[in-house]
Amino acid sequence: MLTSFKDTADISSYARESVAALVKAGYLEGYDGGVHPNQPMTRVQAAVMIAGVLGLKYGLIR
């Protein structure tokens, strides 16, 4: 599952199984070909992930 990301080797060994589970469940998609484990998560990224885990719908409000 993680082999599709270019930065898989940068994921710490203790987090690899959890990151793979998030990807498999569809809660983590990554961007620009990677999951960028060494960069901080933004509030928006965290909110989208939490909304997905809770089964909430999100999108633009018009």
C-alpha atoms as a PDB file:
ATOM      1  CA  MET A   1       0.000   0.000   0.000  1.00  0.00           C
ATOM      2  CA  LEU A   2       2.768   2.459   0.848  1.00  0.00           C
ATOM      3  CA  THR A   3       4.920   1.523  -2.124  1.00  0.00           C
ATOM      4  CA  SER A   4       2.981   3.936  -4.330  1.00  0.00           C
ATOM      5  CA  PHE A   5       4.481   6.890  -2.431  1.00  0.00           C
ATOM      6  CA  LYS A   6       7.945   8.199  -3.265  1.00  0.00           C
ATOM      7  CA  ASP A   7       8.817   9.002   0.340  1.00  0.00           C
ATOM      8  CA  THR A   8       7.887   5.710   2.002  1.00  0.00           C
ATOM      9  CA  ALA A   9      11.448   5.298   3.291  1.00  0.00           C
ATOM     10  CA  ASP A  10      11.030   8.547   5.265  1.00  0.00           C
ATOM     11  CA  ILE A  11       8.185   7.112   7.362  1.00  0.00           C
ATOM     12  CA  SER A  12       9.489   6.077  10.780  1.00  0.00           C
ATOM     13  CA  SER A  13       9.352   2.354  11.417  1.00  0.00           C
ATOM     14  CA  TYR A  14       7.070   2.809  14.444  1.00  0.00           C
ATOM     15  CA  ALA A  15       4.514   4.714  12.322  1.00  0.00           C
ATOM     16  CA  ARG A  16       4.631   2.666   9.120  1.00  0.00           C
ATOM     17  CA  GLU A  17       1.821   0.248  10.050  1.00  0.00           C
ATOM     18  CA  SER A  18      -0.468   3.074  11.190  1.00  0.00           C
ATOM     19  CA  VAL A  19       0.188   5.153   8.073  1.00  0.00           C
ATOM     20  CA  ALA A  20      -0.509   2.105   5.903  1.00  0.00           C
ATOM     21  CA  ALA A  21      -3.814   1.535   7.735  1.00  0.00           C
ATOM     22  CA  LEU A  22      -4.834   5.179   7.187  1.00  0.00           C
ATOM     23  CA  VAL A  23      -4.009   4.923   3.485  1.00  0.00           C
ATOM     24  CA  LYS A  24      -5.860   1.624   3.119  1.00  0.00           C
ATOM     25  CA  ALA A  25      -8.950   3.051   4.847  1.00  0.00           C
ATOM     26  CA  GLY A  26      -8.876   6.081   2.547  1.00  0.00           C
ATOM     27  CA  TYR A  27      -8.241   8.631   5.308  1.00  0.00           C
ATOM     28  CA  LEU A  28      -4.790   9.550   3.994  1.00  0.00           C
ATOM     29  CA  GLU A  29      -4.143  10.091   0.294  1.00  0.00           C
ATOM     30  CA  GLY A  30      -0.941  12.107   0.234  1.00  0.00           C
ATOM     31  CA  TYR A  31      -0.088  14.650  -2.440  1.00  0.00           C
ATOM     32  CA  ASP A  32       2.640  15.237  -5.030  1.00  0.00           C
ATOM     33  CA  GLY A  33       3.421  11.522  -4.956  1.00  0.00           C
ATOM     34  CA  GLY A  34       4.172  11.330  -1.255  1.00  0.00           C
ATOM     35  CA  VAL A  35       2.782  11.395   2.251  1.00  0.00           C
ATOM     36  CA  HIS A  36       5.424  13.893   3.437  1.00  0.00           C
ATOM     37  CA  PRO A  37       5.986  12.396   6.900  1.00  0.00           C
ATOM     38  CA  ASN A  38       8.639  14.963   7.825  1.00  0.00           C
ATOM     39  CA  GLN A  39       6.393  17.971   7.242  1.00  0.00           C
ATOM     40  CA  PRO A  40       3.848  19.252   9.754  1.00  0.00           C
ATOM     41  CA  MET A  41       0.181  18.585   9.076  1.00  0.00           C
ATOM     42  CA  THR A  42      -1.880  21.717   8.500  1.00  0.00           C
ATOM     43  CA  ARG A  43      -5.119  22.408  10.342  1.00  0.00           C
ATOM     44  CA  VAL A  44      -7.033  21.868   7.114  1.00  0.00           C
ATOM     45  CA  GLN A  45      -5.381  18.488   6.513  1.00  0.00           C
ATOM     46  CA  ALA A  46      -6.118  17.445  10.094  1.00  0.00           C
ATOM     47  CA  ALA A  47      -9.743  18.607   9.827  1.00  0.00           C
ATOM     48  CA  VAL A  48     -10.277  16.649   6.592  1.00  0.00           C
ATOM     49  CA  MET A  49      -8.778  13.502   8.135  1.00  0.00           C
ATOM     50  CA  ILE A  50     -10.870  13.824  11.311  1.00  0.00           C
ATOM     51  CA  ALA A  51     -14.025  14.443   9.274  1.00  0.00           C
ATOM     52  CA  GLY A  52     -13.313  11.308   7.254  1.00  0.00           C
ATOM     53  CA  VAL A  53     -12.741   9.179  10.337  1.00  0.00           C
ATOM     54  CA  LEU A  54     -15.987  10.462  11.851  1.00  0.00           C
ATOM     55  CA  GLY A  55     -17.870   9.880   8.595  1.00  0.00           C
ATOM     56  CA  LEU A  56     -18.744  13.555   8.203  1.00  0.00           C
ATOM     57  CA  LYS A  57     -19.303  15.144   4.819  1.00  0.00           C
ATOM     58  CA  TYR A  58     -17.139  18.079   3.969  1.00  0.00           C
ATOM     59  CA  GLY A  59     -16.806  20.409   1.034  1.00  0.00           C
ATOM     60  CA  LEU A  60     -17.084  23.997  -0.021  1.00  0.00           C
ATOM     61  CA  ILE A  61     -19.905  26.066   1.357  1.00  0.00           C
ATOM     62  CA  ARG A  62     -21.456  28.279  -1.289  1.00  0.00           C
END
